[in-house]
Amino acid sequence: RPFLCGEAPTLADICIGVNTYRWFELAIERPDLPALRGWYERLTQRQPYRDVVMIPIR
């Protein structure tokens, strides 16, 4: 399934997606997690997610 609860994103994806965005933006070493990366890339294709969640870390 493309999102956490099925075929379409839900509030669960947004809640987890906020922390996932921060985690991917930090300059740290992280393990290779292809399923997580795929889910995150699908989430970032959604304009509302980009507008609200994907703001630069200062």
PDB file of N, CA and C in Angstrom:
ATOM      1  N   ARG A   1       0.842  -1.182   0.000  1.00  0.00           N
ATOM      2  CA  ARG A   1       0.000   0.000   0.000  1.00  0.00           C
ATOM      3  C   ARG A   1       0.886   1.244   0.000  1.00  0.00           C
ATOM      4  N   PRO A   2       0.472   2.253  -0.694  1.00  0.00           N
ATOM      5  CA  PRO A   2       1.321   3.434  -0.870  1.00  0.00           C
ATOM      6  C   PRO A   2       1.426   4.344   0.356  1.00  0.00           C
ATOM      7  N   PHE A   3       0.411   4.338   1.214  1.00  0.00           N
ATOM      8  CA  PHE A   3       0.440   5.190   2.402  1.00  0.00           C
ATOM      9  C   PHE A   3       0.219   4.335   3.646  1.00  0.00           C
ATOM     10  N   LEU A   4       0.357   4.910   4.816  1.00  0.00           N
ATOM     11  CA  LEU A   4       0.322   4.130   6.054  1.00  0.00           C
ATOM     12  C   LEU A   4      -0.961   3.333   6.243  1.00  0.00           C
ATOM     13  N   CYS A   5      -2.088   3.904   5.874  1.00  0.00           N
ATOM     14  CA  CYS A   5      -3.378   3.240   6.114  1.00  0.00           C
ATOM     15  C   CYS A   5      -4.080   2.804   4.839  1.00  0.00           C
ATOM     16  N   GLY A   6      -3.395   2.835   3.719  1.00  0.00           N
ATOM     17  CA  GLY A   6      -4.048   2.382   2.495  1.00  0.00           C
ATOM     18  C   GLY A   6      -3.612   3.124   1.256  1.00  0.00           C
ATOM     19  N   GLU A   7      -4.551   3.288   0.355  1.00  0.00           N
ATOM     20  CA  GLU A   7      -4.272   3.867  -0.960  1.00  0.00           C
ATOM     21  C   GLU A   7      -4.159   5.387  -0.965  1.00  0.00           C
ATOM     22  N   ALA A   8      -4.707   6.040   0.041  1.00  0.00           N
ATOM     23  CA  ALA A   8      -4.689   7.509   0.103  1.00  0.00           C
ATOM     24  C   ALA A   8      -4.067   7.958   1.423  1.00  0.00           C
ATOM     25  N   PRO A   9      -3.423   9.122   1.433  1.00  0.00           N
ATOM     26  CA  PRO A   9      -2.847   9.617   2.682  1.00  0.00           C
ATOM     27  C   PRO A   9      -3.943   9.972   3.687  1.00  0.00           C
ATOM     28  N   THR A  10      -3.614   9.798   4.955  1.00  0.00           N
ATOM     29  CA  THR A  10      -4.529  10.131   6.041  1.00  0.00           C
ATOM     30  C   THR A  10      -3.797  11.006   7.045  1.00  0.00           C
ATOM     31  N   LEU A  11      -4.474  11.339   8.114  1.00  0.00           N
ATOM     32  CA  LEU A  11      -3.854  12.112   9.186  1.00  0.00           C
ATOM     33  C   LEU A  11      -2.630  11.389   9.745  1.00  0.00           C
ATOM     34  N   ALA A  12      -2.645  10.075   9.743  1.00  0.00           N
ATOM     35  CA  ALA A  12      -1.487   9.306  10.216  1.00  0.00           C
ATOM     36  C   ALA A  12      -0.244   9.626   9.388  1.00  0.00           C
ATOM     37  N   ASP A  13      -0.394   9.728   8.085  1.00  0.00           N
ATOM     38  CA  ASP A  13       0.741  10.059   7.222  1.00  0.00           C
ATOM     39  C   ASP A  13       1.277  11.451   7.531  1.00  0.00           C
ATOM     40  N   ILE A  14       0.393  12.389   7.771  1.00  0.00           N
ATOM     41  CA  ILE A  14       0.826  13.756   8.075  1.00  0.00           C
ATOM     42  C   ILE A  14       1.567  13.793   9.405  1.00  0.00           C
ATOM     43  N   CYS A  15       1.013  13.141  10.419  1.00  0.00           N
ATOM     44  CA  CYS A  15       1.648  13.143  11.748  1.00  0.00           C
ATOM     45  C   CYS A  15       3.049  12.545  11.695  1.00  0.00           C
ATOM     46  N   ILE A  16       3.191  11.408  11.067  1.00  0.00           N
ATOM     47  CA  ILE A  16       4.503  10.774  10.950  1.00  0.00           C
ATOM     48  C   ILE A  16       5.372  11.536   9.952  1.00  0.00           C
ATOM     49  N   GLY A  17       4.752  12.097   8.938  1.00  0.00           N
ATOM     50  CA  GLY A  17       5.482  12.821   7.912  1.00  0.00           C
ATOM     51  C   GLY A  17       6.179  14.069   8.415  1.00  0.00           C
ATOM     52  N   VAL A  18       5.630  14.717   9.424  1.00  0.00           N
ATOM     53  CA  VAL A  18       6.274  15.905  10.002  1.00  0.00           C
ATOM     54  C   VAL A  18       7.642  15.524  10.559  1.00  0.00           C
ATOM     55  N   ASN A  19       7.686  14.488  11.370  1.00  0.00           N
ATOM     56  CA  ASN A  19       8.955  14.050  11.954  1.00  0.00           C
ATOM     57  C   ASN A  19       9.892  13.464  10.908  1.00  0.00           C
ATOM     58  N   THR A  20       9.340  12.786   9.933  1.00  0.00           N
ATOM     59  CA  THR A  20      10.167  12.193   8.886  1.00  0.00           C
ATOM     60  C   THR A  20      10.851  13.276   8.060  1.00  0.00           C
ATOM     61  N   TYR A  21      10.129  14.340   7.771  1.00  0.00           N
ATOM     62  CA  TYR A  21      10.742  15.456   7.037  1.00  0.00           C
ATOM     63  C   TYR A  21      11.941  15.995   7.812  1.00  0.00           C
ATOM     64  N   ARG A  22      11.753  16.244   9.098  1.00  0.00           N
ATOM     65  CA  ARG A  22      12.849  16.773   9.914  1.00  0.00           C
ATOM     66  C   ARG A  22      14.027  15.804   9.919  1.00  0.00           C
ATOM     67  N   TRP A  23      13.738  14.521  10.051  1.00  0.00           N
ATOM     68  CA  TRP A  23      14.787  13.503  10.110  1.00  0.00           C
ATOM     69  C   TRP A  23      15.595  13.483   8.819  1.00  0.00           C
ATOM     70  N   PHE A  24      14.908  13.550   7.674  1.00  0.00           N
ATOM     71  CA  PHE A  24      15.617  13.537   6.397  1.00  0.00           C
ATOM     72  C   PHE A  24      16.376  14.842   6.148  1.00  0.00           C
ATOM     73  N   GLU A  25      15.979  15.933   6.741  1.00  0.00           N
ATOM     74  CA  GLU A  25      16.643  17.218   6.531  1.00  0.00           C
ATOM     75  C   GLU A  25      17.868  17.400   7.416  1.00  0.00           C
ATOM     76  N   LEU A  26      17.961  16.660   8.507  1.00  0.00           N
ATOM     77  CA  LEU A  26      19.124  16.788   9.382  1.00  0.00           C
ATOM     78  C   LEU A  26      20.361  16.209   8.710  1.00  0.00           C
ATOM     79  N   ALA A  27      21.484  16.863   8.940  1.00  0.00           N
ATOM     80  CA  ALA A  27      22.747  16.403   8.366  1.00  0.00           C
ATOM     81  C   ALA A  27      23.338  15.325   9.271  1.00  0.00           C
ATOM     82  N   ILE A  28      22.729  14.142   9.235  1.00  0.00           N
ATOM     83  CA  ILE A  28      23.180  13.017  10.047  1.00  0.00           C
ATOM     84  C   ILE A  28      23.296  11.784   9.156  1.00  0.00           C
ATOM     85  N   GLU A  29      24.051  10.816   9.639  1.00  0.00           N
ATOM     86  CA  GLU A  29      24.121   9.541   8.936  1.00  0.00           C
ATOM     87  C   GLU A  29      22.897   8.723   9.326  1.00  0.00           C
ATOM     88  N   ARG A  30      22.275   8.099   8.352  1.00  0.00           N
ATOM     89  CA  ARG A  30      21.081   7.287   8.632  1.00  0.00           C
ATOM     90  C   ARG A  30      21.143   6.002   7.823  1.00  0.00           C
ATOM     91  N   PRO A  31      20.469   4.967   8.292  1.00  0.00           N
ATOM     92  CA  PRO A  31      20.471   3.705   7.551  1.00  0.00           C
ATOM     93  C   PRO A  31      19.671   3.820   6.252  1.00  0.00           C
ATOM     94  N   ASP A  32      19.942   2.911   5.338  1.00  0.00           N
ATOM     95  CA  ASP A  32      19.192   2.847   4.085  1.00  0.00           C
ATOM     96  C   ASP A  32      17.855   2.166   4.365  1.00  0.00           C
ATOM     97  N   LEU A  33      16.780   2.901   4.230  1.00  0.00           N
ATOM     98  CA  LEU A  33      15.431   2.388   4.488  1.00  0.00           C
ATOM     99  C   LEU A  33      14.573   2.646   3.252  1.00  0.00           C
ATOM    100  N   PRO A  34      14.643   1.776   2.249  1.00  0.00           N
ATOM    101  CA  PRO A  34      13.961   2.040   0.981  1.00  0.00           C
ATOM    102  C   PRO A  34      12.445   2.162   1.092  1.00  0.00           C
ATOM    103  N   ALA A  35      11.811   1.398   1.961  1.00  0.00           N
ATOM    104  CA  ALA A  35      10.349   1.505   2.099  1.00  0.00           C
ATOM    105  C   ALA A  35       9.972   2.863   2.690  1.00  0.00           C
ATOM    106  N   LEU A  36      10.731   3.316   3.683  1.00  0.00           N
ATOM    107  CA  LEU A  36      10.472   4.628   4.283  1.00  0.00           C
ATOM    108  C   LEU A  36      10.706   5.725   3.257  1.00  0.00           C
ATOM    109  N   ARG A  37      11.793   5.619   2.518  1.00  0.00           N
ATOM    110  CA  ARG A  37      12.112   6.627   1.499  1.00  0.00           C
ATOM    111  C   ARG A  37      11.017   6.669   0.433  1.00  0.00           C
ATOM    112  N   GLY A  38      10.513   5.535  -0.003  1.00  0.00           N
ATOM    113  CA  GLY A  38       9.454   5.495  -1.014  1.00  0.00           C
ATOM    114  C   GLY A  38       8.172   6.136  -0.521  1.00  0.00           C
ATOM    115  N   TRP A  39       7.781   5.802   0.708  1.00  0.00           N
ATOM    116  CA  TRP A  39       6.577   6.399   1.299  1.00  0.00           C
ATOM    117  C   TRP A  39       6.748   7.912   1.399  1.00  0.00           C
ATOM    118  N   TYR A  40       7.910   8.339   1.897  1.00  0.00           N
ATOM    119  CA  TYR A  40       8.170   9.763   2.070  1.00  0.00           C
ATOM    120  C   TYR A  40       8.135  10.487   0.721  1.00  0.00           C
ATOM    121  N   GLU A  41       8.702   9.901  -0.303  1.00  0.00           N
ATOM    122  CA  GLU A  41       8.684  10.537  -1.622  1.00  0.00           C
ATOM    123  C   GLU A  41       7.263  10.657  -2.165  1.00  0.00           C
ATOM    124  N   ARG A  42       6.430   9.658  -1.919  1.00  0.00           N
ATOM    125  CA  ARG A  42       5.020   9.764  -2.341  1.00  0.00           C
ATOM    126  C   ARG A  42       4.324  10.889  -1.579  1.00  0.00           C
ATOM    127  N   LEU A  43       4.617  11.010  -0.309  1.00  0.00           N
ATOM    128  CA  LEU A  43       4.000  12.064   0.502  1.00  0.00           C
ATOM    129  C   LEU A  43       4.446  13.448   0.027  1.00  0.00           C
ATOM    130  N   THR A  44       5.714  13.591  -0.303  1.00  0.00           N
ATOM    131  CA  THR A  44       6.225  14.898  -0.723  1.00  0.00           C
ATOM    132  C   THR A  44       5.727  15.323  -2.101  1.00  0.00           C
ATOM    133  N   GLN A  45       5.105  14.432  -2.843  1.00  0.00           N
ATOM    134  CA  GLN A  45       4.518  14.798  -4.132  1.00  0.00           C
ATOM    135  C   GLN A  45       3.205  15.552  -3.956  1.00  0.00           C
ATOM    136  N   ARG A  46       2.701  15.600  -2.762  1.00  0.00           N
ATOM    137  CA  ARG A  46       1.411  16.246  -2.492  1.00  0.00           C
ATOM    138  C   ARG A  46       1.650  17.714  -2.110  1.00  0.00           C
ATOM    139  N   GLN A  47       1.106  18.623  -2.896  1.00  0.00           N
ATOM    140  CA  GLN A  47       1.337  20.054  -2.689  1.00  0.00           C
ATOM    141  C   GLN A  47       0.971  20.534  -1.284  1.00  0.00           C
ATOM    142  N   PRO A  48      -0.159  20.159  -0.705  1.00  0.00           N
ATOM    143  CA  PRO A  48      -0.469  20.635   0.653  1.00  0.00           C
ATOM    144  C   PRO A  48       0.591  20.227   1.682  1.00  0.00           C
ATOM    145  N   TYR A  49       1.136  19.032   1.544  1.00  0.00           N
ATOM    146  CA  TYR A  49       2.201  18.590   2.453  1.00  0.00           C
ATOM    147  C   TYR A  49       3.425  19.489   2.289  1.00  0.00           C
ATOM    148  N   ARG A  50       3.803  19.757   1.064  1.00  0.00           N
ATOM    149  CA  ARG A  50       4.962  20.625   0.820  1.00  0.00           C
ATOM    150  C   ARG A  50       4.731  22.024   1.372  1.00  0.00           C
ATOM    151  N   ASP A  51       3.526  22.552   1.199  1.00  0.00           N
ATOM    152  CA  ASP A  51       3.233  23.918   1.641  1.00  0.00           C
ATOM    153  C   ASP A  51       3.254  24.077   3.153  1.00  0.00           C
ATOM    154  N   VAL A  52       2.801  23.063   3.866  1.00  0.00           N
ATOM    155  CA  VAL A  52       2.622  23.196   5.316  1.00  0.00           C
ATOM    156  C   VAL A  52       3.764  22.573   6.114  1.00  0.00           C
ATOM    157  N   VAL A  53       4.273  21.458   5.660  1.00  0.00           N
ATOM    158  CA  VAL A  53       5.264  20.721   6.451  1.00  0.00           C
ATOM    159  C   VAL A  53       6.694  21.020   6.022  1.00  0.00           C
ATOM    160  N   MET A  54       6.930  21.109   4.742  1.00  0.00           N
ATOM    161  CA  MET A  54       8.295  21.203   4.243  1.00  0.00           C
ATOM    162  C   MET A  54       8.809  22.640   4.252  1.00  0.00           C
ATOM    163  N   ILE A  55       8.944  23.169   5.436  1.00  0.00           N
ATOM    164  CA  ILE A  55       9.504  24.508   5.603  1.00  0.00           C
ATOM    165  C   ILE A  55      10.927  24.350   6.134  1.00  0.00           C
ATOM    166  N   PRO A  56      11.835  25.233   5.757  1.00  0.00           N
ATOM    167  CA  PRO A  56      13.235  25.073   6.153  1.00  0.00           C
ATOM    168  C   PRO A  56      13.426  25.062   7.668  1.00  0.00           C
ATOM    169  N   ILE A  57      14.373  24.239   8.091  1.00  0.00           N
ATOM    170  CA  ILE A  57      14.791  24.230   9.496  1.00  0.00           C
ATOM    171  C   ILE A  57      15.792  25.354   9.669  1.00  0.00           C
ATOM    172  N   ARG A  58      15.624  26.129  10.694  1.00  0.00           N
ATOM    173  CA  ARG A  58      16.568  27.241  10.935  1.00  0.00           C
ATOM    174  C   ARG A  58      17.529  26.902  12.026  1.00  0.00           C
TER     175      ARG A  58
END
